[in-house]
Amino acid sequence: MIGAEQIKVNFETFNGVLESSFEGDRLEKLNTLTECLKERMMFAPASTKDWFNNAFPGGYLDHVLRVNKIANQLHKLYSFHEANESYTEEELNFVSLFGQLGKLGDWNSEYFTKNDSDWHVKNLGMVYKFNENVPAMKIYDRTMYLLQDASIKISHNEYLAIRNQEGLFDESNKFYFYSGQKETKLRTHLPLLLHQAIQTAQEIEYQIWNSGNSVVQKQDKPANASKADKSLRKAKAINVENNPNFNEKTKSIIDSFFTD
């Protein structure tokens, strides 16, 4: 967790990067967008679970600034190795600053709300939950929606970077990353760079939480936090009385998985 003063400093830093990276009509529209979502930008978390990344007030902007910083460092690394300049610095700063805008929700409601279920907080580390008043969309889809609704045009490179920011964690991105022909390969490495920047930032934020340097109360990663663990718990709960078609032999085989 970060304090109120740091939240204020982060917002001022964000506006500073904004003013130095954009100009003209685009800067004016981005300033309007930022002012409209100011409170949410300042206080929104970056994720729902404490062991994910930056799941605390102010976590979103802290994460975005880290992504922007890492993206610019990666840009220098690519340049050092003489990678082709396939995008502009404005495009780089735009996708790193606004590529995850969808995490803030829509114009009417925030996406992450404080979880009122003690069970979910204690057992899953889910300190925030998804707001059911916000239509279900992929983060990048909601980002595109907000940008177009604010009349902010995006370039081809920016679209591809925002669309593919989850890399191969999103199955639908295979078309872009598993190209079988030269003609269909990405012609800019901006999507890969943004993905790397986000993943690096998330790992750093996890390490900060895991080391206990965060003010957020650290809990061990819940043993029942994954789908696999959920399936195991269900298997453990099975008993013959409630399942007449479930014989003792089958039960003994499953039991063997849970004994040393």
C-alpha atoms as a PDB file:
ATOM      1  CA  MET A   1       0.000   0.000   0.000  1.00  0.00           C
ATOM      2  CA  ILE A   2       1.127   3.554  -0.577  1.00  0.00           C
ATOM      3  CA  GLY A   3       0.236   6.627   1.435  1.00  0.00           C
ATOM      4  CA  ALA A   4      -1.937   9.577   0.470  1.00  0.00           C
ATOM      5  CA  GLU A   5       1.089  11.759  -0.233  1.00  0.00           C
ATOM      6  CA  GLN A   6       2.554   9.205  -2.636  1.00  0.00           C
ATOM      7  CA  ILE A   7      -0.807   8.880  -4.401  1.00  0.00           C
ATOM      8  CA  LYS A   8      -0.765  12.642  -4.943  1.00  0.00           C
ATOM      9  CA  VAL A   9       2.852  12.554  -6.171  1.00  0.00           C
ATOM     10  CA  ASN A  10       2.023   9.711  -8.577  1.00  0.00           C
ATOM     11  CA  PHE A  11      -0.828  11.674 -10.119  1.00  0.00           C
ATOM     12  CA  GLU A  12       1.393  14.733 -10.541  1.00  0.00           C
ATOM     13  CA  THR A  13       4.077  12.528 -12.111  1.00  0.00           C
ATOM     14  CA  PHE A  14       1.515  11.017 -14.474  1.00  0.00           C
ATOM     15  CA  ASN A  15       0.402  14.488 -15.584  1.00  0.00           C
ATOM     16  CA  GLY A  16       4.028  15.491 -16.043  1.00  0.00           C
ATOM     17  CA  VAL A  17       4.678  12.563 -18.386  1.00  0.00           C
ATOM     18  CA  LEU A  18       1.438  13.400 -20.181  1.00  0.00           C
ATOM     19  CA  GLU A  19       2.455  17.009 -20.816  1.00  0.00           C
ATOM     20  CA  SER A  20       5.923  16.040 -22.042  1.00  0.00           C
ATOM     21  CA  SER A  21       4.780  13.191 -24.311  1.00  0.00           C
ATOM     22  CA  PHE A  22       1.806  14.632 -26.197  1.00  0.00           C
ATOM     23  CA  GLU A  23       0.728  17.888 -27.755  1.00  0.00           C
ATOM     24  CA  GLY A  24      -2.077  19.637 -29.577  1.00  0.00           C
ATOM     25  CA  ASP A  25      -5.563  18.181 -29.866  1.00  0.00           C
ATOM     26  CA  ARG A  26      -4.511  14.782 -28.584  1.00  0.00           C
ATOM     27  CA  LEU A  27      -3.028  16.224 -25.403  1.00  0.00           C
ATOM     28  CA  GLU A  28      -6.171  18.268 -24.837  1.00  0.00           C
ATOM     29  CA  LYS A  29      -8.402  15.196 -25.153  1.00  0.00           C
ATOM     30  CA  LEU A  30      -6.145  13.083 -22.950  1.00  0.00           C
ATOM     31  CA  ASN A  31      -6.173  15.815 -20.297  1.00  0.00           C
ATOM     32  CA  THR A  32      -9.978  15.875 -20.450  1.00  0.00           C
ATOM     33  CA  LEU A  33     -10.093  12.082 -20.112  1.00  0.00           C
ATOM     34  CA  THR A  34      -7.667  12.164 -17.178  1.00  0.00           C
ATOM     35  CA  GLU A  35      -9.627  14.881 -15.406  1.00  0.00           C
ATOM     36  CA  CYS A  36     -12.886  12.960 -15.926  1.00  0.00           C
ATOM     37  CA  LEU A  37     -11.421   9.808 -14.371  1.00  0.00           C
ATOM     38  CA  LYS A  38      -9.106  11.623 -11.956  1.00  0.00           C
ATOM     39  CA  GLU A  39     -10.415  10.218  -8.675  1.00  0.00           C
ATOM     40  CA  ARG A  40     -10.553   6.676  -9.995  1.00  0.00           C
ATOM     41  CA  MET A  41      -7.103   6.966 -11.571  1.00  0.00           C
ATOM     42  CA  MET A  42      -5.662   8.103  -8.268  1.00  0.00           C
ATOM     43  CA  PHE A  43      -7.284   5.547  -5.967  1.00  0.00           C
ATOM     44  CA  ALA A  44      -8.061   2.437  -8.052  1.00  0.00           C
ATOM     45  CA  PRO A  45      -6.166  -0.809  -7.395  1.00  0.00           C
ATOM     46  CA  ALA A  46      -4.408  -2.641 -10.230  1.00  0.00           C
ATOM     47  CA  SER A  47      -5.926  -6.068  -9.492  1.00  0.00           C
ATOM     48  CA  THR A  48      -8.341  -7.926  -7.221  1.00  0.00           C
ATOM     49  CA  LYS A  49      -6.130 -10.262  -5.161  1.00  0.00           C
ATOM     50  CA  ASP A  50      -3.472  -9.187  -2.682  1.00  0.00           C
ATOM     51  CA  TRP A  51      -0.974 -11.682  -4.108  1.00  0.00           C
ATOM     52  CA  PHE A  52      -1.528 -10.531  -7.695  1.00  0.00           C
ATOM     53  CA  ASN A  53      -0.153  -7.023  -8.140  1.00  0.00           C
ATOM     54  CA  ASN A  54      -0.855  -3.701  -6.453  1.00  0.00           C
ATOM     55  CA  ALA A  55      -4.259  -4.648  -5.019  1.00  0.00           C
ATOM     56  CA  PHE A  56      -4.504  -1.537  -2.871  1.00  0.00           C
ATOM     57  CA  PRO A  57      -5.746   2.075  -3.208  1.00  0.00           C
ATOM     58  CA  GLY A  58      -3.482   3.906  -5.646  1.00  0.00           C
ATOM     59  CA  GLY A  59      -2.162   0.627  -7.024  1.00  0.00           C
ATOM     60  CA  TYR A  60      -3.373   1.253 -10.575  1.00  0.00           C
ATOM     61  CA  LEU A  61      -1.457   4.478 -11.143  1.00  0.00           C
ATOM     62  CA  ASP A  62       1.618   3.161  -9.337  1.00  0.00           C
ATOM     63  CA  HIS A  63       1.520   0.174 -11.706  1.00  0.00           C
ATOM     64  CA  VAL A  64       0.976   2.294 -14.832  1.00  0.00           C
ATOM     65  CA  LEU A  65       3.922   4.549 -14.006  1.00  0.00           C
ATOM     66  CA  ARG A  66       6.117   1.495 -13.457  1.00  0.00           C
ATOM     67  CA  VAL A  67       5.016   0.043 -16.805  1.00  0.00           C
ATOM     68  CA  ASN A  68       5.808   3.356 -18.514  1.00  0.00           C
ATOM     69  CA  LYS A  69       9.258   3.488 -16.946  1.00  0.00           C
ATOM     70  CA  ILE A  70      10.079  -0.126 -17.835  1.00  0.00           C
ATOM     71  CA  ALA A  71       8.719   0.340 -21.372  1.00  0.00           C
ATOM     72  CA  ASN A  72      11.080   3.262 -21.935  1.00  0.00           C
ATOM     73  CA  GLN A  73      13.982   1.244 -20.520  1.00  0.00           C
ATOM     74  CA  LEU A  74      13.133  -1.653 -22.849  1.00  0.00           C
ATOM     75  CA  HIS A  75      12.963   0.812 -25.731  1.00  0.00           C
ATOM     76  CA  LYS A  76      16.566   1.787 -24.997  1.00  0.00           C
ATOM     77  CA  LEU A  77      17.541  -1.881 -24.797  1.00  0.00           C
ATOM     78  CA  TYR A  78      15.975  -2.595 -28.184  1.00  0.00           C
ATOM     79  CA  SER A  79      17.736   0.448 -29.613  1.00  0.00           C
ATOM     80  CA  PHE A  80      21.066  -0.645 -28.123  1.00  0.00           C
ATOM     81  CA  HIS A  81      20.731  -3.904 -30.040  1.00  0.00           C
ATOM     82  CA  GLU A  82      19.867  -1.948 -33.188  1.00  0.00           C
ATOM     83  CA  ALA A  83      16.260  -3.114 -33.446  1.00  0.00           C
ATOM     84  CA  ASN A  84      14.307  -1.291 -36.127  1.00  0.00           C
ATOM     85  CA  GLU A  85      12.476   1.835 -34.998  1.00  0.00           C
ATOM     86  CA  SER A  86       9.008   0.523 -35.796  1.00  0.00           C
ATOM     87  CA  TYR A  87       7.036   2.962 -33.608  1.00  0.00           C
ATOM     88  CA  THR A  88       7.305   6.479 -32.228  1.00  0.00           C
ATOM     89  CA  GLU A  89       8.065   7.489 -28.650  1.00  0.00           C
ATOM     90  CA  GLU A  90       4.590   9.011 -28.479  1.00  0.00           C
ATOM     91  CA  GLU A  91       3.086   5.630 -29.344  1.00  0.00           C
ATOM     92  CA  LEU A  92       5.290   3.984 -26.721  1.00  0.00           C
ATOM     93  CA  ASN A  93       4.172   6.391 -24.003  1.00  0.00           C
ATOM     94  CA  PHE A  94       0.541   6.263 -25.079  1.00  0.00           C
ATOM     95  CA  VAL A  95       0.168   2.478 -24.829  1.00  0.00           C
ATOM     96  CA  SER A  96       2.111   2.269 -21.558  1.00  0.00           C
ATOM     97  CA  LEU A  97       0.118   5.085 -19.925  1.00  0.00           C
ATOM     98  CA  PHE A  98      -3.355   4.295 -21.271  1.00  0.00           C
ATOM     99  CA  GLY A  99      -3.217   0.673 -22.431  1.00  0.00           C
ATOM    100  CA  GLN A 100      -4.841  -0.639 -19.221  1.00  0.00           C
ATOM    101  CA  LEU A 101      -7.441   2.098 -18.901  1.00  0.00           C
ATOM    102  CA  GLY A 102     -10.201  -0.532 -18.910  1.00  0.00           C
ATOM    103  CA  LYS A 103      -9.231  -1.478 -15.351  1.00  0.00           C
ATOM    104  CA  LEU A 104     -10.924   1.731 -14.204  1.00  0.00           C
ATOM    105  CA  GLY A 105     -14.372   0.583 -15.356  1.00  0.00           C
ATOM    106  CA  ASP A 106     -16.760   2.593 -17.517  1.00  0.00           C
ATOM    107  CA  TRP A 107     -17.858   6.227 -17.265  1.00  0.00           C
ATOM    108  CA  ASN A 108     -20.421   5.442 -14.574  1.00  0.00           C
ATOM    109  CA  SER A 109     -18.862   2.822 -12.326  1.00  0.00           C
ATOM    110  CA  GLU A 110     -15.487   1.598 -11.105  1.00  0.00           C
ATOM    111  CA  TYR A 111     -14.430  -1.908 -12.133  1.00  0.00           C
ATOM    112  CA  PHE A 112     -12.863  -3.035  -8.860  1.00  0.00           C
ATOM    113  CA  THR A 113     -14.879  -2.553  -5.677  1.00  0.00           C
ATOM    114  CA  LYS A 114     -13.970  -3.391  -2.092  1.00  0.00           C
ATOM    115  CA  ASN A 115     -14.910  -6.984  -1.309  1.00  0.00           C
ATOM    116  CA  ASP A 116     -17.527  -7.258   1.440  1.00  0.00           C
ATOM    117  CA  SER A 117     -17.061 -11.025   1.764  1.00  0.00           C
ATOM    118  CA  ASP A 118     -14.680 -11.847   4.614  1.00  0.00           C
ATOM    119  CA  TRP A 119     -14.460 -15.428   3.345  1.00  0.00           C
ATOM    120  CA  HIS A 120     -13.138 -14.367  -0.070  1.00  0.00           C
ATOM    121  CA  VAL A 121     -10.678 -11.953   1.495  1.00  0.00           C
ATOM    122  CA  LYS A 122      -9.382 -14.488   4.022  1.00  0.00           C
ATOM    123  CA  ASN A 123      -9.352 -17.619   1.864  1.00  0.00           C
ATOM    124  CA  LEU A 124      -8.642 -16.273  -1.607  1.00  0.00           C
ATOM    125  CA  GLY A 125      -6.902 -13.003  -0.857  1.00  0.00           C
ATOM    126  CA  MET A 126      -9.565 -11.322  -3.002  1.00  0.00           C
ATOM    127  CA  VAL A 127      -9.601  -7.894  -1.372  1.00  0.00           C
ATOM    128  CA  TYR A 128     -11.487  -6.445  -4.341  1.00  0.00           C
ATOM    129  CA  LYS A 129     -14.234  -7.888  -6.519  1.00  0.00           C
ATOM    130  CA  PHE A 130     -15.525  -7.133 -10.005  1.00  0.00           C
ATOM    131  CA  ASN A 131     -18.359  -4.642 -10.164  1.00  0.00           C
ATOM    132  CA  GLU A 132     -21.412  -6.319 -11.690  1.00  0.00           C
ATOM    133  CA  ASN A 133     -22.700  -2.922 -12.839  1.00  0.00           C
ATOM    134  CA  VAL A 134     -19.862  -2.716 -15.342  1.00  0.00           C
ATOM    135  CA  PRO A 135     -20.465  -4.808 -18.498  1.00  0.00           C
ATOM    136  CA  ALA A 136     -18.113  -7.791 -18.723  1.00  0.00           C
ATOM    137  CA  MET A 137     -15.366  -7.045 -21.214  1.00  0.00           C
ATOM    138  CA  LYS A 138     -11.712  -7.826 -21.703  1.00  0.00           C
ATOM    139  CA  ILE A 139      -9.548  -5.055 -20.254  1.00  0.00           C
ATOM    140  CA  TYR A 140      -8.212  -4.130 -23.682  1.00  0.00           C
ATOM    141  CA  ASP A 141     -11.724  -4.069 -25.173  1.00  0.00           C
ATOM    142  CA  ARG A 142     -12.962  -1.679 -22.493  1.00  0.00           C
ATOM    143  CA  THR A 143      -9.835   0.400 -23.011  1.00  0.00           C
ATOM    144  CA  MET A 144     -10.622   0.718 -26.725  1.00  0.00           C
ATOM    145  CA  TYR A 145     -14.228   1.568 -25.924  1.00  0.00           C
ATOM    146  CA  LEU A 146     -13.294   4.371 -23.541  1.00  0.00           C
ATOM    147  CA  LEU A 147     -10.730   5.831 -25.929  1.00  0.00           C
ATOM    148  CA  GLN A 148     -13.045   5.867 -28.921  1.00  0.00           C
ATOM    149  CA  ASP A 149     -15.885   7.259 -26.798  1.00  0.00           C
ATOM    150  CA  ALA A 150     -13.564  10.076 -25.742  1.00  0.00           C
ATOM    151  CA  SER A 151     -12.807  10.714 -29.447  1.00  0.00           C
ATOM    152  CA  ILE A 152      -9.143   9.823 -28.981  1.00  0.00           C
ATOM    153  CA  LYS A 153      -7.773   8.316 -32.168  1.00  0.00           C
ATOM    154  CA  ILE A 154      -5.199   5.561 -31.969  1.00  0.00           C
ATOM    155  CA  SER A 155      -2.617   4.484 -34.502  1.00  0.00           C
ATOM    156  CA  HIS A 156      -2.251   1.033 -36.014  1.00  0.00           C
ATOM    157  CA  ASN A 157       0.735   0.347 -33.769  1.00  0.00           C
ATOM    158  CA  GLU A 158      -1.121   1.503 -30.668  1.00  0.00           C
ATOM    159  CA  TYR A 159      -4.100  -0.677 -31.457  1.00  0.00           C
ATOM    160  CA  LEU A 160      -1.949  -3.791 -31.900  1.00  0.00           C
ATOM    161  CA  ALA A 161      -0.006  -3.123 -28.695  1.00  0.00           C
ATOM    162  CA  ILE A 162      -3.106  -2.572 -26.556  1.00  0.00           C
ATOM    163  CA  ARG A 163      -4.929  -5.497 -28.167  1.00  0.00           C
ATOM    164  CA  ASN A 164      -2.031  -7.905 -27.594  1.00  0.00           C
ATOM    165  CA  GLN A 165      -0.790  -6.689 -24.222  1.00  0.00           C
ATOM    166  CA  GLU A 166      -1.560 -10.033 -22.543  1.00  0.00           C
ATOM    167  CA  GLY A 167       0.674 -11.886 -24.982  1.00  0.00           C
ATOM    168  CA  LEU A 168       0.062 -15.626 -25.190  1.00  0.00           C
ATOM    169  CA  PHE A 169      -1.830 -15.619 -21.883  1.00  0.00           C
ATOM    170  CA  ASP A 170      -4.750 -14.732 -24.170  1.00  0.00           C
ATOM    171  CA  GLU A 171      -5.452 -17.597 -26.583  1.00  0.00           C
ATOM    172  CA  SER A 172      -6.855 -15.235 -29.194  1.00  0.00           C
ATOM    173  CA  ASN A 173      -3.405 -13.636 -29.597  1.00  0.00           C
ATOM    174  CA  LYS A 174      -1.906 -16.732 -31.206  1.00  0.00           C
ATOM    175  CA  PHE A 175      -2.669 -15.295 -34.637  1.00  0.00           C
ATOM    176  CA  TYR A 176      -0.293 -12.420 -33.918  1.00  0.00           C
ATOM    177  CA  PHE A 177       2.476 -14.309 -32.122  1.00  0.00           C
ATOM    178  CA  TYR A 178       2.439 -17.693 -33.925  1.00  0.00           C
ATOM    179  CA  SER A 179       2.703 -16.511 -37.478  1.00  0.00           C
ATOM    180  CA  GLY A 180       3.502 -19.172 -40.024  1.00  0.00           C
ATOM    181  CA  GLN A 181       4.333 -16.700 -42.774  1.00  0.00           C
ATOM    182  CA  LYS A 182       6.570 -13.679 -43.035  1.00  0.00           C
ATOM    183  CA  GLU A 183       3.710 -11.625 -44.463  1.00  0.00           C
ATOM    184  CA  THR A 184       1.526 -12.130 -41.379  1.00  0.00           C
ATOM    185  CA  LYS A 185       4.174 -11.426 -38.741  1.00  0.00           C
ATOM    186  CA  LEU A 186       3.839  -8.331 -36.595  1.00  0.00           C
ATOM    187  CA  ARG A 187       5.628  -5.435 -38.274  1.00  0.00           C
ATOM    188  CA  THR A 188       6.284  -3.653 -35.013  1.00  0.00           C
ATOM    189  CA  HIS A 189       7.715  -5.009 -31.779  1.00  0.00           C
ATOM    190  CA  LEU A 190       5.669  -2.536 -29.728  1.00  0.00           C
ATOM    191  CA  PRO A 191       3.081  -5.213 -28.715  1.00  0.00           C
ATOM    192  CA  LEU A 192       5.853  -7.478 -27.438  1.00  0.00           C
ATOM    193  CA  LEU A 193       7.578  -4.594 -25.667  1.00  0.00           C
ATOM    194  CA  LEU A 194       4.370  -3.532 -23.893  1.00  0.00           C
ATOM    195  CA  HIS A 195       3.619  -7.114 -22.883  1.00  0.00           C
ATOM    196  CA  GLN A 196       7.132  -7.474 -21.469  1.00  0.00           C
ATOM    197  CA  ALA A 197       6.845  -4.176 -19.594  1.00  0.00           C
ATOM    198  CA  ILE A 198       3.524  -5.151 -18.000  1.00  0.00           C
ATOM    199  CA  GLN A 199       4.711  -8.618 -17.019  1.00  0.00           C
ATOM    200  CA  THR A 200       7.941  -7.234 -15.560  1.00  0.00           C
ATOM    201  CA  ALA A 201       6.035  -4.621 -13.563  1.00  0.00           C
ATOM    202  CA  GLN A 202       3.629  -7.256 -12.248  1.00  0.00           C
ATOM    203  CA  GLU A 203       6.489  -9.521 -11.175  1.00  0.00           C
ATOM    204  CA  ILE A 204       8.235  -6.648  -9.386  1.00  0.00           C
ATOM    205  CA  GLU A 205       4.996  -5.736  -7.621  1.00  0.00           C
ATOM    206  CA  TYR A 206       4.478  -9.337  -6.583  1.00  0.00           C
ATOM    207  CA  GLN A 207       8.020  -9.469  -5.195  1.00  0.00           C
ATOM    208  CA  ILE A 208       7.410  -6.257  -3.240  1.00  0.00           C
ATOM    209  CA  TRP A 209       4.275  -7.786  -1.726  1.00  0.00           C
ATOM    210  CA  ASN A 210       5.924 -11.141  -1.101  1.00  0.00           C
ATOM    211  CA  SER A 211       8.923  -9.568   0.642  1.00  0.00           C
ATOM    212  CA  GLY A 212       6.623  -7.777   3.057  1.00  0.00           C
ATOM    213  CA  ASN A 213       7.777  -4.303   1.979  1.00  0.00           C
ATOM    214  CA  SER A 214       4.178  -3.404   1.197  1.00  0.00           C
ATOM    215  CA  VAL A 215       1.997  -1.995   3.972  1.00  0.00           C
ATOM    216  CA  VAL A 216      -0.730  -4.352   2.786  1.00  0.00           C
ATOM    217  CA  GLN A 217      -1.097  -7.163   5.283  1.00  0.00           C
ATOM    218  CA  LYS A 218       0.731 -10.097   3.725  1.00  0.00           C
ATOM    219  CA  GLN A 219      -0.900 -13.492   3.733  1.00  0.00           C
ATOM    220  CA  ASP A 220       0.483 -16.676   2.289  1.00  0.00           C
ATOM    221  CA  LYS A 221      -0.866 -17.414  -1.160  1.00  0.00           C
ATOM    222  CA  PRO A 222      -4.100 -19.268  -0.403  1.00  0.00           C
ATOM    223  CA  ALA A 223      -3.807 -22.978  -0.993  1.00  0.00           C
ATOM    224  CA  ASN A 224      -7.275 -22.911  -2.517  1.00  0.00           C
ATOM    225  CA  ALA A 225      -6.660 -20.006  -4.875  1.00  0.00           C
ATOM    226  CA  SER A 226      -6.481 -21.971  -8.127  1.00  0.00           C
ATOM    227  CA  LYS A 227      -8.973 -23.963 -10.161  1.00  0.00           C
ATOM    228  CA  ALA A 228      -6.825 -27.054  -9.680  1.00  0.00           C
ATOM    229  CA  ASP A 229      -6.945 -26.683  -5.905  1.00  0.00           C
ATOM    230  CA  LYS A 230     -10.699 -26.210  -6.076  1.00  0.00           C
ATOM    231  CA  SER A 231     -11.027 -29.472  -7.981  1.00  0.00           C
ATOM    232  CA  LEU A 232      -8.907 -31.261  -5.380  1.00  0.00           C
ATOM    233  CA  ARG A 233     -11.076 -29.957  -2.560  1.00  0.00           C
ATOM    234  CA  LYS A 234     -14.159 -31.223  -4.344  1.00  0.00           C
ATOM    235  CA  ALA A 235     -12.553 -34.627  -4.794  1.00  0.00           C
ATOM    236  CA  LYS A 236     -11.713 -34.761  -1.091  1.00  0.00           C
ATOM    237  CA  ALA A 237     -15.293 -33.951  -0.204  1.00  0.00           C
ATOM    238  CA  ILE A 238     -16.734 -36.855  -2.182  1.00  0.00           C
ATOM    239  CA  ASN A 239     -18.179 -39.650  -0.066  1.00  0.00           C
ATOM    240  CA  VAL A 240     -20.028 -42.841  -0.867  1.00  0.00           C
ATOM    241  CA  GLU A 241     -23.179 -41.930   1.043  1.00  0.00           C
ATOM    242  CA  ASN A 242     -23.851 -38.915  -1.182  1.00  0.00           C
ATOM    243  CA  ASN A 243     -22.757 -40.680  -4.342  1.00  0.00           C
ATOM    244  CA  PRO A 244     -24.321 -44.133  -4.737  1.00  0.00           C
ATOM    245  CA  ASN A 245     -22.507 -44.730  -8.027  1.00  0.00           C
ATOM    246  CA  PHE A 246     -19.171 -44.013  -6.448  1.00  0.00           C
ATOM    247  CA  ASN A 247     -17.636 -47.276  -5.169  1.00  0.00           C
ATOM    248  CA  GLU A 248     -15.052 -47.788  -2.445  1.00  0.00           C
ATOM    249  CA  LYS A 249     -12.361 -48.903  -4.867  1.00  0.00           C
ATOM    250  CA  THR A 250     -12.555 -45.642  -6.813  1.00  0.00           C
ATOM    251  CA  LYS A 251     -12.598 -43.665  -3.578  1.00  0.00           C
ATOM    252  CA  SER A 252      -9.470 -45.435  -2.311  1.00  0.00           C
ATOM    253  CA  ILE A 253      -7.603 -44.534  -5.525  1.00  0.00           C
ATOM    254  CA  ILE A 254      -8.477 -40.849  -5.128  1.00  0.00           C
ATOM    255  CA  ASP A 255      -7.604 -40.958  -1.417  1.00  0.00           C
ATOM    256  CA  SER A 256      -4.128 -42.195  -2.333  1.00  0.00           C
ATOM    257  CA  PHE A 257      -3.383 -38.855  -3.994  1.00  0.00           C
ATOM    258  CA  PHE A 258      -3.827 -37.067  -0.671  1.00  0.00           C
ATOM    259  CA  THR A 259      -1.704 -39.307   1.518  1.00  0.00           C
ATOM    260  CA  ASP A 260       2.057 -39.562   1.769  1.00  0.00           C
END
